[in-house]
Amino acid sequence: MEVPFWEETYKDDTVFTFGNQPNQSITTIENLLDKSGRVLDVGCGDGKNSLYLAKQGFRNIDAFDLSVNAIEKLRRLAVAHSLEINAWTGNLCSFSFEKEYSLIMSFGTLHFVSKNDWHNFIMKSKKATAVGGFHIMQLFTNQVPPSPDIAPFAIGMADDGEIRKLYEDWEIIDFRSYVFEDEHPNVPRHLHASNKITARRIK
């Protein structure tokens, strides 16, 4: 079985596979968030977004990823910075919500499961979100073919605007459809097409 490139960089604590700055959508709404509210980071990778929020004083952060290497790295980094993050290895397809969250976020993960699976996950996560709570979801679309480094794994690429339809009953704070150039350690520069949505539960 082919191993994705990020498994190697997840072993190196000096390298952040997808950059070391938090996603801009988080910092944009950060002042609207209750630091005591529960946060769920889905497909957290090596944890740059969870680590950022923990450094800002958020106290109830759950984070999971399918990669054992990612979670072990996130745990090491949390300890090194004296931060508390509840991180574990998990699969979003089988995840069972047992808490209510104020923020659920997922960046670059949903397209790695089938459309049916990520649709179902979003529906479950919406029910597990507190009224007034937020979602930030970003995934790749089929407007651009998947790059060779992810093509074997990107089985659930979205249609452009597909994810927005799932939030028609929420307040859509921001929605973006865009193409960007990307680069990772040991991977040549390439293009991705993406949708990103920030939405708030209003009832």
N, C-alpha and C. Protein backbone atom coordinates (compact mmCIF):
# COMPACT_ATOMS: atom_id res chain seq x y z
N MET A 1 0.83 -1.19 0.00
CA MET A 1 0.00 0.00 0.00
C MET A 1 0.88 1.25 0.00
N GLU A 2 0.52 2.22 -0.83
CA GLU A 2 1.28 3.46 -0.90
C GLU A 2 1.11 4.27 0.39
N VAL A 3 2.20 4.85 0.85
CA VAL A 3 2.20 5.64 2.08
C VAL A 3 2.22 7.12 1.71
N PRO A 4 1.31 7.94 2.22
CA PRO A 4 1.30 9.37 1.88
C PRO A 4 2.54 10.08 2.39
N PHE A 5 2.95 11.13 1.69
CA PHE A 5 4.20 11.83 1.99
C PHE A 5 4.24 12.36 3.42
N TRP A 6 3.07 12.72 3.96
CA TRP A 6 3.08 13.37 5.27
C TRP A 6 3.48 12.44 6.41
N GLU A 7 3.44 11.14 6.20
CA GLU A 7 3.81 10.24 7.29
C GLU A 7 5.28 10.41 7.68
N GLU A 8 6.15 10.72 6.73
CA GLU A 8 7.56 10.93 7.05
C GLU A 8 7.76 12.25 7.81
N THR A 9 7.13 13.33 7.33
CA THR A 9 7.34 14.62 8.00
C THR A 9 6.67 14.66 9.37
N TYR A 10 5.64 13.84 9.57
CA TYR A 10 5.03 13.77 10.90
C TYR A 10 6.00 13.21 11.94
N LYS A 11 7.05 12.55 11.49
CA LYS A 11 8.03 11.99 12.43
C LYS A 11 9.06 13.02 12.88
N ASP A 12 9.08 14.17 12.21
CA ASP A 12 10.10 15.18 12.46
C ASP A 12 9.47 16.37 13.19
N ASP A 13 9.86 16.57 14.43
CA ASP A 13 9.27 17.64 15.24
C ASP A 13 9.73 19.03 14.83
N THR A 14 10.73 19.11 13.96
CA THR A 14 11.22 20.42 13.53
C THR A 14 10.53 20.91 12.25
N VAL A 15 9.67 20.08 11.67
CA VAL A 15 9.00 20.42 10.41
C VAL A 15 7.49 20.36 10.60
N PHE A 16 6.79 21.42 10.20
CA PHE A 16 5.34 21.36 10.13
C PHE A 16 4.94 21.07 8.69
N THR A 17 4.32 19.95 8.48
CA THR A 17 4.04 19.46 7.14
C THR A 17 3.23 20.46 6.32
N PHE A 18 2.28 21.12 6.96
CA PHE A 18 1.40 22.03 6.23
C PHE A 18 1.54 23.47 6.75
N GLY A 19 2.77 23.83 7.13
CA GLY A 19 3.03 25.18 7.62
C GLY A 19 2.86 25.28 9.12
N ASN A 20 3.42 26.34 9.69
CA ASN A 20 3.39 26.49 11.15
C ASN A 20 2.48 27.61 11.63
N GLN A 21 1.74 28.24 10.72
CA GLN A 21 0.81 29.29 11.10
C GLN A 21 -0.62 28.77 11.11
N PRO A 22 -1.45 29.25 12.03
CA PRO A 22 -2.84 28.77 12.08
C PRO A 22 -3.59 29.20 10.83
N ASN A 23 -4.62 28.46 10.50
CA ASN A 23 -5.44 28.84 9.36
C ASN A 23 -6.08 30.20 9.61
N GLN A 24 -6.08 31.04 8.60
CA GLN A 24 -6.57 32.40 8.75
C GLN A 24 -8.03 32.46 9.16
N SER A 25 -8.82 31.47 8.78
CA SER A 25 -10.23 31.46 9.17
C SER A 25 -10.40 31.37 10.68
N ILE A 26 -9.46 30.73 11.36
CA ILE A 26 -9.51 30.64 12.82
C ILE A 26 -9.23 32.00 13.44
N THR A 27 -8.19 32.65 13.00
CA THR A 27 -7.84 33.94 13.59
C THR A 27 -8.90 34.99 13.29
N THR A 28 -9.62 34.83 12.17
CA THR A 28 -10.66 35.79 11.81
C THR A 28 -11.82 35.79 12.80
N ILE A 29 -12.20 34.62 13.30
CA ILE A 29 -13.34 34.53 14.22
C ILE A 29 -12.93 34.30 15.67
N GLU A 30 -11.64 34.31 15.91
CA GLU A 30 -11.13 33.97 17.25
C GLU A 30 -11.77 34.81 18.35
N ASN A 31 -11.99 36.10 18.08
CA ASN A 31 -12.54 36.97 19.10
C ASN A 31 -14.02 36.69 19.37
N LEU A 32 -14.65 35.87 18.56
CA LEU A 32 -16.06 35.50 18.76
C LEU A 32 -16.21 34.21 19.56
N LEU A 33 -15.09 33.56 19.83
CA LEU A 33 -15.12 32.25 20.46
C LEU A 33 -14.93 32.35 21.97
N ASP A 34 -15.64 31.49 22.69
CA ASP A 34 -15.50 31.36 24.14
C ASP A 34 -14.34 30.40 24.42
N LYS A 35 -13.33 30.87 25.12
CA LYS A 35 -12.15 30.05 25.35
C LYS A 35 -12.43 28.85 26.25
N SER A 36 -13.57 28.85 26.92
CA SER A 36 -13.93 27.69 27.74
C SER A 36 -14.78 26.69 26.95
N GLY A 37 -15.20 27.06 25.75
CA GLY A 37 -16.01 26.16 24.93
C GLY A 37 -15.17 25.02 24.37
N ARG A 38 -15.85 23.95 24.02
CA ARG A 38 -15.14 22.78 23.49
C ARG A 38 -14.83 22.97 22.00
N VAL A 39 -13.61 22.56 21.63
CA VAL A 39 -13.13 22.63 20.26
C VAL A 39 -12.81 21.23 19.77
N LEU A 40 -13.18 20.93 18.52
CA LEU A 40 -12.84 19.64 17.92
C LEU A 40 -12.09 19.90 16.62
N ASP A 41 -10.88 19.37 16.53
CA ASP A 41 -10.03 19.50 15.35
C ASP A 41 -10.00 18.14 14.66
N VAL A 42 -10.67 18.06 13.51
CA VAL A 42 -10.88 16.80 12.79
C VAL A 42 -9.81 16.63 11.71
N GLY A 43 -9.07 15.54 11.79
CA GLY A 43 -7.96 15.37 10.86
C GLY A 43 -6.89 16.41 11.15
N CYS A 44 -6.48 16.47 12.40
CA CYS A 44 -5.66 17.58 12.91
C CYS A 44 -4.24 17.58 12.38
N GLY A 45 -3.78 16.47 11.77
CA GLY A 45 -2.40 16.41 11.33
C GLY A 45 -1.45 16.60 12.50
N ASP A 46 -0.37 17.36 12.29
CA ASP A 46 0.56 17.57 13.39
C ASP A 46 0.17 18.73 14.28
N GLY A 47 -1.05 19.24 14.09
CA GLY A 47 -1.68 20.01 15.15
C GLY A 47 -1.46 21.51 15.20
N LYS A 48 -1.09 22.13 14.08
CA LYS A 48 -0.77 23.56 14.16
C LYS A 48 -1.96 24.40 14.64
N ASN A 49 -3.18 24.02 14.25
CA ASN A 49 -4.34 24.82 14.65
C ASN A 49 -4.72 24.59 16.10
N SER A 50 -4.67 23.36 16.54
CA SER A 50 -4.95 23.07 17.95
C SER A 50 -3.89 23.68 18.86
N LEU A 51 -2.64 23.58 18.46
CA LEU A 51 -1.57 24.16 19.25
C LEU A 51 -1.73 25.68 19.36
N TYR A 52 -2.10 26.31 18.26
CA TYR A 52 -2.31 27.76 18.30
C TYR A 52 -3.42 28.13 19.28
N LEU A 53 -4.56 27.45 19.19
CA LEU A 53 -5.67 27.79 20.08
C LEU A 53 -5.30 27.52 21.54
N ALA A 54 -4.59 26.43 21.79
CA ALA A 54 -4.17 26.15 23.17
C ALA A 54 -3.24 27.25 23.68
N LYS A 55 -2.36 27.76 22.83
CA LYS A 55 -1.47 28.85 23.24
C LYS A 55 -2.25 30.14 23.52
N GLN A 56 -3.43 30.28 22.89
CA GLN A 56 -4.27 31.47 23.11
C GLN A 56 -5.17 31.33 24.34
N GLY A 57 -5.10 30.18 25.01
CA GLY A 57 -5.85 30.01 26.25
C GLY A 57 -7.11 29.18 26.13
N PHE A 58 -7.35 28.56 24.98
CA PHE A 58 -8.49 27.66 24.86
C PHE A 58 -8.19 26.39 25.66
N ARG A 59 -9.15 25.98 26.48
CA ARG A 59 -8.85 24.98 27.50
C ARG A 59 -9.46 23.59 27.24
N ASN A 60 -10.34 23.49 26.26
CA ASN A 60 -11.02 22.21 26.03
C ASN A 60 -10.92 21.81 24.56
N ILE A 61 -9.73 21.36 24.18
CA ILE A 61 -9.46 21.03 22.78
C ILE A 61 -9.34 19.53 22.61
N ASP A 62 -10.18 18.99 21.75
CA ASP A 62 -10.08 17.60 21.30
C ASP A 62 -9.53 17.60 19.88
N ALA A 63 -8.64 16.68 19.57
CA ALA A 63 -8.06 16.60 18.23
C ALA A 63 -7.81 15.15 17.88
N PHE A 64 -8.18 14.77 16.66
CA PHE A 64 -7.88 13.40 16.25
C PHE A 64 -7.46 13.36 14.79
N ASP A 65 -6.74 12.30 14.46
CA ASP A 65 -6.25 12.08 13.10
C ASP A 65 -6.07 10.58 12.91
N LEU A 66 -6.15 10.16 11.66
CA LEU A 66 -5.97 8.75 11.35
C LEU A 66 -4.51 8.32 11.53
N SER A 67 -3.60 9.27 11.46
CA SER A 67 -2.17 8.96 11.49
C SER A 67 -1.64 8.86 12.92
N VAL A 68 -1.07 7.72 13.25
CA VAL A 68 -0.42 7.54 14.55
C VAL A 68 0.76 8.50 14.69
N ASN A 69 1.53 8.66 13.60
CA ASN A 69 2.68 9.56 13.65
C ASN A 69 2.27 10.99 13.95
N ALA A 70 1.15 11.42 13.36
CA ALA A 70 0.68 12.79 13.59
C ALA A 70 0.31 13.01 15.05
N ILE A 71 -0.43 12.07 15.61
CA ILE A 71 -0.89 12.23 17.00
C ILE A 71 0.28 12.15 17.98
N GLU A 72 1.21 11.26 17.74
CA GLU A 72 2.37 11.18 18.62
C GLU A 72 3.16 12.49 18.58
N LYS A 73 3.28 13.07 17.39
CA LYS A 73 4.00 14.34 17.25
C LYS A 73 3.25 15.46 17.97
N LEU A 74 1.93 15.54 17.76
CA LEU A 74 1.14 16.57 18.43
C LEU A 74 1.25 16.45 19.94
N ARG A 75 1.22 15.26 20.46
CA ARG A 75 1.35 15.07 21.91
C ARG A 75 2.72 15.54 22.39
N ARG A 76 3.77 15.23 21.63
CA ARG A 76 5.11 15.67 22.03
C ARG A 76 5.20 17.20 22.03
N LEU A 77 4.65 17.83 21.01
CA LEU A 77 4.72 19.29 20.91
C LEU A 77 3.91 19.95 22.01
N ALA A 78 2.76 19.36 22.35
CA ALA A 78 1.95 19.90 23.43
C ALA A 78 2.70 19.85 24.75
N VAL A 79 3.33 18.74 25.02
CA VAL A 79 4.11 18.60 26.26
C VAL A 79 5.26 19.60 26.27
N ALA A 80 5.93 19.75 25.12
CA ALA A 80 7.08 20.65 25.05
C ALA A 80 6.70 22.10 25.33
N HIS A 81 5.45 22.46 25.03
CA HIS A 81 4.98 23.83 25.25
C HIS A 81 4.05 23.94 26.46
N SER A 82 3.97 22.87 27.26
CA SER A 82 3.13 22.85 28.46
C SER A 82 1.67 23.18 28.14
N LEU A 83 1.16 22.55 27.09
CA LEU A 83 -0.21 22.77 26.64
C LEU A 83 -1.02 21.50 26.84
N GLU A 84 -2.32 21.67 27.10
CA GLU A 84 -3.21 20.53 27.27
C GLU A 84 -4.11 20.40 26.04
N ILE A 85 -3.90 19.32 25.31
CA ILE A 85 -4.72 18.98 24.15
C ILE A 85 -5.05 17.50 24.25
N ASN A 86 -6.31 17.18 24.17
CA ASN A 86 -6.74 15.78 24.21
C ASN A 86 -6.69 15.23 22.79
N ALA A 87 -5.60 14.53 22.46
CA ALA A 87 -5.36 14.07 21.09
C ALA A 87 -5.36 12.55 21.03
N TRP A 88 -5.98 12.01 19.98
CA TRP A 88 -6.03 10.56 19.83
C TRP A 88 -6.10 10.19 18.35
N THR A 89 -5.78 8.93 18.08
CA THR A 89 -5.88 8.39 16.72
C THR A 89 -7.33 7.95 16.48
N GLY A 90 -7.92 8.46 15.40
CA GLY A 90 -9.31 8.13 15.13
C GLY A 90 -9.67 8.34 13.67
N ASN A 91 -10.79 7.76 13.29
CA ASN A 91 -11.31 7.81 11.92
C ASN A 91 -12.61 8.60 11.93
N LEU A 92 -12.71 9.62 11.12
CA LEU A 92 -13.94 10.44 11.14
C LEU A 92 -15.15 9.64 10.68
N CYS A 93 -14.94 8.58 9.91
CA CYS A 93 -16.08 7.78 9.43
C CYS A 93 -16.76 7.02 10.55
N SER A 94 -16.03 6.71 11.61
CA SER A 94 -16.60 5.95 12.72
C SER A 94 -16.69 6.77 14.00
N PHE A 95 -16.39 8.07 13.91
CA PHE A 95 -16.39 8.90 15.10
C PHE A 95 -17.80 9.06 15.65
N SER A 96 -17.92 8.92 16.96
CA SER A 96 -19.21 9.06 17.64
C SER A 96 -19.16 10.28 18.55
N PHE A 97 -20.06 11.22 18.33
CA PHE A 97 -20.08 12.43 19.14
C PHE A 97 -20.68 12.15 20.51
N GLU A 98 -19.92 12.48 21.54
CA GLU A 98 -20.39 12.32 22.92
C GLU A 98 -20.38 13.65 23.68
N LYS A 99 -19.98 14.73 23.00
CA LYS A 99 -19.92 16.05 23.60
C LYS A 99 -20.55 17.06 22.65
N GLU A 100 -20.86 18.24 23.20
CA GLU A 100 -21.32 19.35 22.38
C GLU A 100 -20.16 20.33 22.24
N TYR A 101 -19.94 20.78 21.01
CA TYR A 101 -18.79 21.62 20.72
C TYR A 101 -19.20 23.04 20.33
N SER A 102 -18.31 23.98 20.64
CA SER A 102 -18.50 25.37 20.22
C SER A 102 -17.80 25.67 18.90
N LEU A 103 -16.80 24.87 18.58
CA LEU A 103 -16.09 24.99 17.31
C LEU A 103 -15.69 23.61 16.83
N ILE A 104 -16.06 23.30 15.60
CA ILE A 104 -15.58 22.09 14.94
C ILE A 104 -14.89 22.53 13.66
N MET A 105 -13.67 22.08 13.47
CA MET A 105 -12.91 22.52 12.30
C MET A 105 -12.23 21.33 11.63
N SER A 106 -12.10 21.43 10.32
CA SER A 106 -11.42 20.39 9.56
C SER A 106 -10.80 21.04 8.32
N PHE A 107 -9.51 20.85 8.14
CA PHE A 107 -8.79 21.45 7.03
C PHE A 107 -8.10 20.36 6.22
N GLY A 108 -8.47 20.25 4.95
CA GLY A 108 -7.77 19.34 4.05
C GLY A 108 -7.91 17.88 4.38
N THR A 109 -9.04 17.49 4.93
CA THR A 109 -9.22 16.11 5.38
C THR A 109 -10.42 15.41 4.73
N LEU A 110 -11.54 16.10 4.61
CA LEU A 110 -12.79 15.45 4.24
C LEU A 110 -12.72 14.74 2.89
N HIS A 111 -11.95 15.26 1.96
CA HIS A 111 -11.87 14.64 0.63
C HIS A 111 -11.14 13.30 0.63
N PHE A 112 -10.57 12.92 1.78
CA PHE A 112 -9.89 11.64 1.86
C PHE A 112 -10.83 10.49 2.27
N VAL A 113 -12.11 10.80 2.44
CA VAL A 113 -13.12 9.76 2.63
C VAL A 113 -14.18 9.94 1.56
N SER A 114 -15.07 8.98 1.41
CA SER A 114 -16.08 9.07 0.36
C SER A 114 -17.03 10.25 0.61
N LYS A 115 -17.67 10.71 -0.46
CA LYS A 115 -18.63 11.81 -0.31
C LYS A 115 -19.72 11.45 0.70
N ASN A 116 -20.21 10.24 0.62
CA ASN A 116 -21.26 9.83 1.54
C ASN A 116 -20.77 9.92 2.98
N ASP A 117 -19.52 9.51 3.22
CA ASP A 117 -18.99 9.54 4.57
C ASP A 117 -18.80 10.97 5.07
N TRP A 118 -18.28 11.88 4.23
CA TRP A 118 -18.08 13.23 4.76
C TRP A 118 -19.40 13.99 4.86
N HIS A 119 -20.35 13.68 4.01
CA HIS A 119 -21.69 14.26 4.17
C HIS A 119 -22.29 13.84 5.51
N ASN A 120 -22.22 12.54 5.80
CA ASN A 120 -22.77 12.03 7.06
C ASN A 120 -22.06 12.64 8.25
N PHE A 121 -20.74 12.79 8.16
CA PHE A 121 -19.99 13.38 9.27
C PHE A 121 -20.43 14.81 9.52
N ILE A 122 -20.60 15.57 8.48
CA ILE A 122 -21.03 16.96 8.66
C ILE A 122 -22.42 17.02 9.29
N MET A 123 -23.31 16.16 8.86
CA MET A 123 -24.66 16.16 9.45
C MET A 123 -24.60 15.84 10.94
N LYS A 124 -23.78 14.87 11.32
CA LYS A 124 -23.64 14.52 12.74
C LYS A 124 -22.96 15.65 13.52
N SER A 125 -21.97 16.27 12.91
CA SER A 125 -21.25 17.32 13.62
C SER A 125 -22.12 18.56 13.80
N LYS A 126 -23.02 18.81 12.87
CA LYS A 126 -23.92 19.95 13.04
C LYS A 126 -24.83 19.75 14.25
N LYS A 127 -25.31 18.53 14.44
CA LYS A 127 -26.17 18.24 15.59
C LYS A 127 -25.40 18.34 16.90
N ALA A 128 -24.10 18.12 16.84
CA ALA A 128 -23.27 18.13 18.05
C ALA A 128 -22.64 19.50 18.30
N THR A 129 -23.15 20.52 17.64
CA THR A 129 -22.62 21.88 17.79
C THR A 129 -23.59 22.72 18.60
N ALA A 130 -23.10 23.45 19.57
CA ALA A 130 -23.95 24.31 20.39
C ALA A 130 -24.55 25.42 19.54
N VAL A 131 -25.75 25.85 19.89
CA VAL A 131 -26.34 27.01 19.23
C VAL A 131 -25.40 28.20 19.41
N GLY A 132 -25.09 28.88 18.31
CA GLY A 132 -24.11 29.94 18.34
C GLY A 132 -22.70 29.48 18.04
N GLY A 133 -22.52 28.15 17.95
CA GLY A 133 -21.21 27.59 17.67
C GLY A 133 -20.86 27.66 16.19
N PHE A 134 -19.60 27.39 15.89
CA PHE A 134 -19.05 27.57 14.55
C PHE A 134 -18.52 26.27 13.97
N HIS A 135 -18.56 26.21 12.65
CA HIS A 135 -17.81 25.22 11.88
C HIS A 135 -16.89 25.96 10.93
N ILE A 136 -15.68 25.44 10.77
CA ILE A 136 -14.80 25.85 9.68
C ILE A 136 -14.39 24.57 8.96
N MET A 137 -14.80 24.44 7.71
CA MET A 137 -14.54 23.23 6.94
C MET A 137 -13.88 23.61 5.61
N GLN A 138 -12.78 22.93 5.32
CA GLN A 138 -12.08 23.16 4.05
C GLN A 138 -11.76 21.81 3.42
N LEU A 139 -12.07 21.69 2.14
CA LEU A 139 -11.77 20.46 1.43
C LEU A 139 -11.50 20.76 -0.03
N PHE A 140 -10.90 19.80 -0.72
CA PHE A 140 -10.55 19.99 -2.12
C PHE A 140 -11.73 19.63 -3.02
N THR A 141 -11.81 20.34 -4.14
CA THR A 141 -12.88 20.09 -5.11
C THR A 141 -12.28 19.53 -6.40
N ASN A 142 -13.18 19.06 -7.25
CA ASN A 142 -12.74 18.45 -8.51
C ASN A 142 -12.57 19.45 -9.64
N GLN A 143 -12.51 20.75 -9.31
CA GLN A 143 -12.26 21.77 -10.33
C GLN A 143 -10.84 21.65 -10.90
N VAL A 144 -9.95 21.07 -10.10
CA VAL A 144 -8.59 20.76 -10.54
C VAL A 144 -8.32 19.31 -10.19
N PRO A 145 -7.73 18.52 -11.09
CA PRO A 145 -7.44 17.11 -10.76
C PRO A 145 -6.54 17.02 -9.53
N PRO A 146 -6.71 15.99 -8.72
CA PRO A 146 -5.85 15.85 -7.55
C PRO A 146 -4.39 15.70 -7.97
N SER A 147 -3.52 16.33 -7.21
CA SER A 147 -2.09 16.24 -7.51
C SER A 147 -1.60 14.81 -7.26
N PRO A 148 -0.51 14.41 -7.93
CA PRO A 148 -0.05 13.02 -7.81
C PRO A 148 0.20 12.56 -6.38
N ASP A 149 0.60 13.49 -5.49
CA ASP A 149 0.93 13.09 -4.12
C ASP A 149 -0.29 12.66 -3.32
N ILE A 150 -1.49 13.14 -3.72
CA ILE A 150 -2.70 12.76 -2.97
C ILE A 150 -3.70 11.96 -3.80
N ALA A 151 -3.45 11.84 -5.11
CA ALA A 151 -4.43 11.20 -5.99
C ALA A 151 -4.88 9.81 -5.51
N PRO A 152 -3.99 8.97 -4.99
CA PRO A 152 -4.45 7.64 -4.56
C PRO A 152 -5.39 7.67 -3.35
N PHE A 153 -5.40 8.79 -2.63
CA PHE A 153 -6.14 8.86 -1.37
C PHE A 153 -7.37 9.77 -1.44
N ALA A 154 -7.43 10.64 -2.45
CA ALA A 154 -8.50 11.64 -2.52
C ALA A 154 -9.73 11.06 -3.20
N ILE A 155 -10.48 10.26 -2.45
CA ILE A 155 -11.61 9.52 -3.03
C ILE A 155 -12.94 10.26 -2.93
N GLY A 156 -12.93 11.41 -2.22
CA GLY A 156 -14.20 12.12 -2.00
C GLY A 156 -14.15 13.58 -2.41
N MET A 157 -13.44 13.88 -3.49
CA MET A 157 -13.34 15.27 -3.95
C MET A 157 -14.74 15.84 -4.16
N ALA A 158 -14.95 17.06 -3.68
CA ALA A 158 -16.28 17.67 -3.74
C ALA A 158 -16.51 18.39 -5.06
N ASP A 159 -17.77 18.53 -5.43
CA ASP A 159 -18.14 19.45 -6.49
C ASP A 159 -18.02 20.87 -5.93
N ASP A 160 -17.74 21.82 -6.80
CA ASP A 160 -17.63 23.20 -6.35
C ASP A 160 -18.97 23.66 -5.76
N GLY A 161 -18.94 24.18 -4.54
CA GLY A 161 -20.15 24.64 -3.88
C GLY A 161 -20.95 23.57 -3.17
N GLU A 162 -20.54 22.32 -3.27
CA GLU A 162 -21.31 21.22 -2.67
C GLU A 162 -21.41 21.37 -1.16
N ILE A 163 -20.31 21.74 -0.51
CA ILE A 163 -20.33 21.82 0.95
C ILE A 163 -21.21 22.97 1.43
N ARG A 164 -21.31 24.02 0.64
CA ARG A 164 -22.13 25.17 1.04
C ARG A 164 -23.59 24.76 1.19
N LYS A 165 -24.06 23.87 0.33
CA LYS A 165 -25.46 23.45 0.38
C LYS A 165 -25.80 22.75 1.69
N LEU A 166 -24.80 22.15 2.32
CA LEU A 166 -25.03 21.44 3.58
C LEU A 166 -25.21 22.40 4.75
N TYR A 167 -24.94 23.68 4.53
CA TYR A 167 -25.04 24.68 5.60
C TYR A 167 -26.09 25.74 5.30
N GLU A 168 -27.05 25.42 4.44
CA GLU A 168 -28.08 26.40 4.09
C GLU A 168 -28.96 26.79 5.27
N ASP A 169 -29.03 25.94 6.30
CA ASP A 169 -29.83 26.23 7.48
C ASP A 169 -29.02 26.93 8.57
N TRP A 170 -27.77 27.24 8.31
CA TRP A 170 -26.90 27.97 9.24
C TRP A 170 -26.60 29.35 8.66
N GLU A 171 -26.04 30.21 9.49
CA GLU A 171 -25.55 31.50 9.01
C GLU A 171 -24.17 31.28 8.39
N ILE A 172 -24.04 31.57 7.12
CA ILE A 172 -22.76 31.41 6.45
C ILE A 172 -21.96 32.70 6.62
N ILE A 173 -20.91 32.62 7.40
CA ILE A 173 -20.07 33.78 7.69
C ILE A 173 -19.16 34.07 6.50
N ASP A 174 -18.62 33.01 5.91
CA ASP A 174 -17.69 33.18 4.79
C ASP A 174 -17.69 31.90 3.97
N PHE A 175 -17.66 32.05 2.65
CA PHE A 175 -17.50 30.90 1.77
C PHE A 175 -16.56 31.30 0.65
N ARG A 176 -15.59 30.45 0.39
CA ARG A 176 -14.61 30.74 -0.65
C ARG A 176 -14.40 29.53 -1.55
N SER A 177 -14.33 29.81 -2.83
CA SER A 177 -13.97 28.81 -3.83
C SER A 177 -12.73 29.34 -4.54
N TYR A 178 -11.65 28.60 -4.50
CA TYR A 178 -10.39 29.14 -5.00
C TYR A 178 -9.44 28.03 -5.43
N VAL A 179 -8.47 28.40 -6.23
CA VAL A 179 -7.38 27.51 -6.63
C VAL A 179 -6.09 28.10 -6.09
N PHE A 180 -5.25 27.26 -5.50
CA PHE A 180 -4.00 27.76 -4.94
C PHE A 180 -2.85 26.83 -5.28
N GLU A 181 -1.66 27.41 -5.26
CA GLU A 181 -0.45 26.65 -5.49
C GLU A 181 0.09 26.20 -4.14
N ASP A 182 0.53 24.96 -4.08
CA ASP A 182 0.96 24.39 -2.79
C ASP A 182 2.30 23.71 -2.95
N GLU A 183 2.96 23.53 -1.84
CA GLU A 183 4.27 22.88 -1.83
C GLU A 183 4.49 22.26 -0.46
N HIS A 184 5.05 21.05 -0.44
CA HIS A 184 5.35 20.36 0.81
C HIS A 184 6.78 19.86 0.76
N PRO A 185 7.35 19.49 1.92
CA PRO A 185 8.70 18.94 1.92
C PRO A 185 8.81 17.75 0.98
N ASN A 186 9.76 17.82 0.06
CA ASN A 186 10.04 16.73 -0.89
C ASN A 186 8.92 16.50 -1.92
N VAL A 187 8.01 17.47 -2.06
CA VAL A 187 6.92 17.37 -3.05
C VAL A 187 6.96 18.62 -3.92
N PRO A 188 7.01 18.46 -5.25
CA PRO A 188 7.06 19.65 -6.12
C PRO A 188 5.81 20.51 -5.99
N ARG A 189 5.91 21.78 -6.39
CA ARG A 189 4.78 22.70 -6.35
C ARG A 189 3.67 22.18 -7.26
N HIS A 190 2.42 22.39 -6.81
CA HIS A 190 1.28 21.86 -7.53
C HIS A 190 0.05 22.70 -7.20
N LEU A 191 -1.06 22.43 -7.88
CA LEU A 191 -2.30 23.17 -7.68
C LEU A 191 -3.34 22.33 -6.97
N HIS A 192 -4.17 23.00 -6.16
CA HIS A 192 -5.37 22.41 -5.57
C HIS A 192 -6.54 23.36 -5.79
N ALA A 193 -7.70 22.81 -6.03
CA ALA A 193 -8.93 23.59 -6.00
C ALA A 193 -9.61 23.32 -4.67
N SER A 194 -10.13 24.35 -4.03
CA SER A 194 -10.63 24.20 -2.67
C SER A 194 -11.90 24.99 -2.44
N ASN A 195 -12.73 24.49 -1.55
CA ASN A 195 -13.83 25.25 -0.95
C ASN A 195 -13.57 25.34 0.53
N LYS A 196 -13.83 26.51 1.10
CA LYS A 196 -13.72 26.68 2.55
C LYS A 196 -14.92 27.46 3.04
N ILE A 197 -15.54 26.96 4.10
CA ILE A 197 -16.73 27.61 4.64
C ILE A 197 -16.58 27.82 6.14
N THR A 198 -17.00 28.99 6.58
CA THR A 198 -17.17 29.28 8.01
C THR A 198 -18.64 29.54 8.22
N ALA A 199 -19.26 28.77 9.10
CA ALA A 199 -20.70 28.90 9.31
C ALA A 199 -21.01 28.82 10.79
N ARG A 200 -22.15 29.42 11.17
CA ARG A 200 -22.54 29.48 12.58
C ARG A 200 -23.95 28.92 12.74
N ARG A 201 -24.10 28.06 13.74
CA ARG A 201 -25.44 27.52 14.04
C ARG A 201 -26.29 28.58 14.71
N ILE A 202 -27.45 28.85 14.13
CA ILE A 202 -28.29 29.95 14.63
C ILE A 202 -29.53 29.46 15.37
N LYS A 203 -29.83 28.17 15.31
CA LYS A 203 -30.98 27.65 16.05
C LYS A 203 -30.85 26.16 16.25
